[in-house]
């Protein structure tokens, strides 16, 4: 079993409940092939750098995975077939980081900066 990080973007029209169900489907695919998901981060609705399929925003989700190649291939296949997922990226990593991702750290800093008065 190898370590992977998967990031996918769900259409902006999707509700947060639907985004969670898409993430849960991805988790069940990985677990169905004997893998495990160690972290799931919902990074929220963010503006895209450029429009993708006429979408200007998307719901970002990050998964830390421990899986075999067959599980990753099936997950990629399902992401390609899904009309809700507009982009995805799965990369192999040497070790999994259970700390908050850079997206979450930046959002936390932006929300908790003291006012400049």
C-alpha atoms as a PDB file:
ATOM      1  CA  UNK A   1       0.000   0.000   0.000  1.00  0.00           C
ATOM      2  CA  UNK A   2       1.233   3.446  -0.917  1.00  0.00           C
ATOM      3  CA  UNK A   3       0.386   6.964   0.241  1.00  0.00           C
ATOM      4  CA  UNK A   4      -1.536   9.413  -1.947  1.00  0.00           C
ATOM      5  CA  UNK A   5      -3.066  12.872  -1.715  1.00  0.00           C
ATOM      6  CA  UNK A   6      -6.169  13.480  -3.804  1.00  0.00           C
ATOM      7  CA  UNK A   7      -7.643  16.916  -4.437  1.00  0.00           C
ATOM      8  CA  UNK A   8     -10.831  17.333  -6.417  1.00  0.00           C
ATOM      9  CA  UNK A   9     -13.104  20.247  -7.281  1.00  0.00           C
ATOM     10  CA  UNK A  10     -16.890  19.914  -7.352  1.00  0.00           C
ATOM     11  CA  UNK A  11     -19.130  22.257  -9.376  1.00  0.00           C
ATOM     12  CA  UNK A  12     -20.155  25.505  -7.685  1.00  0.00           C
ATOM     13  CA  UNK A  13     -23.893  24.719  -7.985  1.00  0.00           C
ATOM     14  CA  UNK A  14     -23.551  21.673  -5.719  1.00  0.00           C
ATOM     15  CA  UNK A  15     -24.717  22.017  -2.123  1.00  0.00           C
ATOM     16  CA  UNK A  16     -22.357  21.236   0.738  1.00  0.00           C
ATOM     17  CA  UNK A  17     -24.340  18.062   1.418  1.00  0.00           C
ATOM     18  CA  UNK A  18     -23.818  16.919  -2.150  1.00  0.00           C
ATOM     19  CA  UNK A  19     -20.092  17.675  -1.911  1.00  0.00           C
ATOM     20  CA  UNK A  20     -19.923  15.506   1.204  1.00  0.00           C
ATOM     21  CA  UNK A  21     -21.709  12.672  -0.610  1.00  0.00           C
ATOM     22  CA  UNK A  22     -19.207  12.869  -3.508  1.00  0.00           C
ATOM     23  CA  UNK A  23     -16.363  12.705  -0.968  1.00  0.00           C
ATOM     24  CA  UNK A  24     -18.033   9.795   0.822  1.00  0.00           C
ATOM     25  CA  UNK A  25     -18.331   7.935  -2.495  1.00  0.00           C
ATOM     26  CA  UNK A  26     -14.588   8.432  -3.063  1.00  0.00           C
ATOM     27  CA  UNK A  27     -13.883   7.098   0.435  1.00  0.00           C
ATOM     28  CA  UNK A  28     -16.044   4.028  -0.178  1.00  0.00           C
ATOM     29  CA  UNK A  29     -14.232   3.308  -3.476  1.00  0.00           C
ATOM     30  CA  UNK A  30     -10.848   3.387  -1.747  1.00  0.00           C
ATOM     31  CA  UNK A  31     -12.055   1.278   1.177  1.00  0.00           C
ATOM     32  CA  UNK A  32     -13.658  -1.179  -1.243  1.00  0.00           C
ATOM     33  CA  UNK A  33     -10.205  -1.936  -2.638  1.00  0.00           C
ATOM     34  CA  UNK A  34      -8.707  -2.461   0.835  1.00  0.00           C
ATOM     35  CA  UNK A  35      -7.361   1.059   1.301  1.00  0.00           C
ATOM     36  CA  UNK A  36      -7.956   3.673   3.960  1.00  0.00           C
ATOM     37  CA  UNK A  37      -8.598   7.417   4.141  1.00  0.00           C
ATOM     38  CA  UNK A  38      -6.690   9.103   6.962  1.00  0.00           C
ATOM     39  CA  UNK A  39      -7.865  12.693   6.438  1.00  0.00           C
ATOM     40  CA  UNK A  40     -10.723  14.452   4.678  1.00  0.00           C
ATOM     41  CA  UNK A  41     -10.665  18.253   4.371  1.00  0.00           C
ATOM     42  CA  UNK A  42     -13.485  20.305   2.922  1.00  0.00           C
ATOM     43  CA  UNK A  43     -11.730  23.523   1.910  1.00  0.00           C
ATOM     44  CA  UNK A  44     -14.933  25.265   0.888  1.00  0.00           C
ATOM     45  CA  UNK A  45     -16.087  27.231  -2.129  1.00  0.00           C
ATOM     46  CA  UNK A  46     -13.169  29.033  -3.760  1.00  0.00           C
ATOM     47  CA  UNK A  47     -12.641  31.093  -6.886  1.00  0.00           C
ATOM     48  CA  UNK A  48     -10.831  29.221  -9.659  1.00  0.00           C
ATOM     49  CA  UNK A  49      -7.774  30.722 -11.360  1.00  0.00           C
ATOM     50  CA  UNK A  50      -9.558  30.370 -14.707  1.00  0.00           C
ATOM     51  CA  UNK A  51     -13.035  29.191 -15.743  1.00  0.00           C
ATOM     52  CA  UNK A  52     -13.454  25.436 -16.157  1.00  0.00           C
ATOM     53  CA  UNK A  53     -16.557  24.283 -18.060  1.00  0.00           C
ATOM     54  CA  UNK A  54     -18.093  27.731 -17.507  1.00  0.00           C
ATOM     55  CA  UNK A  55     -17.592  27.442 -13.728  1.00  0.00           C
ATOM     56  CA  UNK A  56     -15.816  30.296 -11.974  1.00  0.00           C
ATOM     57  CA  UNK A  57     -15.902  28.762  -8.476  1.00  0.00           C
ATOM     58  CA  UNK A  58     -15.661  25.277  -7.050  1.00  0.00           C
ATOM     59  CA  UNK A  59     -15.811  23.292  -3.815  1.00  0.00           C
ATOM     60  CA  UNK A  60     -12.328  21.958  -2.990  1.00  0.00           C
ATOM     61  CA  UNK A  61     -11.866  18.639  -1.151  1.00  0.00           C
ATOM     62  CA  UNK A  62      -8.565  17.063  -0.028  1.00  0.00           C
ATOM     63  CA  UNK A  63      -8.170  13.365   0.867  1.00  0.00           C
ATOM     64  CA  UNK A  64      -5.140  11.595   2.345  1.00  0.00           C
ATOM     65  CA  UNK A  65      -5.216   8.004   1.091  1.00  0.00           C
ATOM     66  CA  UNK A  66      -3.459   4.734   1.819  1.00  0.00           C
ATOM     67  CA  UNK A  67      -4.307   2.603  -1.193  1.00  0.00           C
ATOM     68  CA  UNK A  68      -3.113   0.210  -3.852  1.00  0.00           C
ATOM     69  CA  UNK A  69      -2.896   0.980  -7.576  1.00  0.00           C
ATOM     70  CA  UNK A  70      -6.223  -0.694  -8.398  1.00  0.00           C
ATOM     71  CA  UNK A  71      -8.087   1.503  -5.924  1.00  0.00           C
ATOM     72  CA  UNK A  72      -6.494   4.655  -7.341  1.00  0.00           C
ATOM     73  CA  UNK A  73      -7.310   3.635 -10.921  1.00  0.00           C
ATOM     74  CA  UNK A  74     -10.950   3.051 -10.005  1.00  0.00           C
ATOM     75  CA  UNK A  75     -11.114   6.379  -8.138  1.00  0.00           C
ATOM     76  CA  UNK A  76      -9.704   8.218 -11.177  1.00  0.00           C
ATOM     77  CA  UNK A  77     -12.199   6.444 -13.441  1.00  0.00           C
ATOM     78  CA  UNK A  78     -15.107   7.496 -11.232  1.00  0.00           C
ATOM     79  CA  UNK A  79     -13.868  11.104 -11.085  1.00  0.00           C
ATOM     80  CA  UNK A  80     -13.650  11.205 -14.910  1.00  0.00           C
ATOM     81  CA  UNK A  81     -17.208   9.860 -15.257  1.00  0.00           C
ATOM     82  CA  UNK A  82     -18.716  12.161 -12.637  1.00  0.00           C
ATOM     83  CA  UNK A  83     -20.456  15.257 -13.937  1.00  0.00           C
ATOM     84  CA  UNK A  84     -20.011  16.947 -10.567  1.00  0.00           C
ATOM     85  CA  UNK A  85     -16.200  16.723 -10.423  1.00  0.00           C
ATOM     86  CA  UNK A  86     -14.715  19.332 -12.761  1.00  0.00           C
ATOM     87  CA  UNK A  87     -11.024  18.694 -11.939  1.00  0.00           C
ATOM     88  CA  UNK A  88      -9.020  16.251  -9.846  1.00  0.00           C
ATOM     89  CA  UNK A  89      -5.390  15.511  -9.066  1.00  0.00           C
ATOM     90  CA  UNK A  90      -4.012  12.438  -7.307  1.00  0.00           C
ATOM     91  CA  UNK A  91      -0.310  12.381  -6.418  1.00  0.00           C
ATOM     92  CA  UNK A  92       1.800   9.809  -4.646  1.00  0.00           C
ATOM     93  CA  UNK A  93       3.637  11.089  -1.557  1.00  0.00           C
ATOM     94  CA  UNK A  94       6.346   9.602   0.672  1.00  0.00           C
ATOM     95  CA  UNK A  95       4.413  10.212   3.883  1.00  0.00           C
ATOM     96  CA  UNK A  96       1.033  11.616   4.831  1.00  0.00           C
ATOM     97  CA  UNK A  97       0.755  14.936   6.628  1.00  0.00           C
ATOM     98  CA  UNK A  98      -2.116  15.030   9.127  1.00  0.00           C
ATOM     99  CA  UNK A  99      -1.699  18.758   9.800  1.00  0.00           C
ATOM    100  CA  UNK A 100      -4.105  21.202   8.127  1.00  0.00           C
ATOM    101  CA  UNK A 101      -3.314  21.779   4.445  1.00  0.00           C
ATOM    102  CA  UNK A 102      -1.989  25.061   3.059  1.00  0.00           C
ATOM    103  CA  UNK A 103      -5.494  25.954   1.854  1.00  0.00           C
ATOM    104  CA  UNK A 104      -6.903  25.638   5.353  1.00  0.00           C
ATOM    105  CA  UNK A 105      -3.993  27.499   6.999  1.00  0.00           C
ATOM    106  CA  UNK A 106      -4.393  30.452   4.624  1.00  0.00           C
ATOM    107  CA  UNK A 107      -8.146  30.558   5.253  1.00  0.00           C
ATOM    108  CA  UNK A 108      -7.573  30.416   9.024  1.00  0.00           C
ATOM    109  CA  UNK A 109      -5.088  33.307   8.904  1.00  0.00           C
ATOM    110  CA  UNK A 110      -7.383  35.423   6.747  1.00  0.00           C
ATOM    111  CA  UNK A 111     -10.300  34.978   9.157  1.00  0.00           C
ATOM    112  CA  UNK A 112      -8.320  35.570  12.347  1.00  0.00           C
ATOM    113  CA  UNK A 113      -6.139  38.584  11.578  1.00  0.00           C
ATOM    114  CA  UNK A 114      -6.564  41.479  14.013  1.00  0.00           C
ATOM    115  CA  UNK A 115      -8.187  44.581  12.624  1.00  0.00           C
ATOM    116  CA  UNK A 116      -5.873  47.439  11.565  1.00  0.00           C
ATOM    117  CA  UNK A 117      -7.491  50.301  13.508  1.00  0.00           C
END
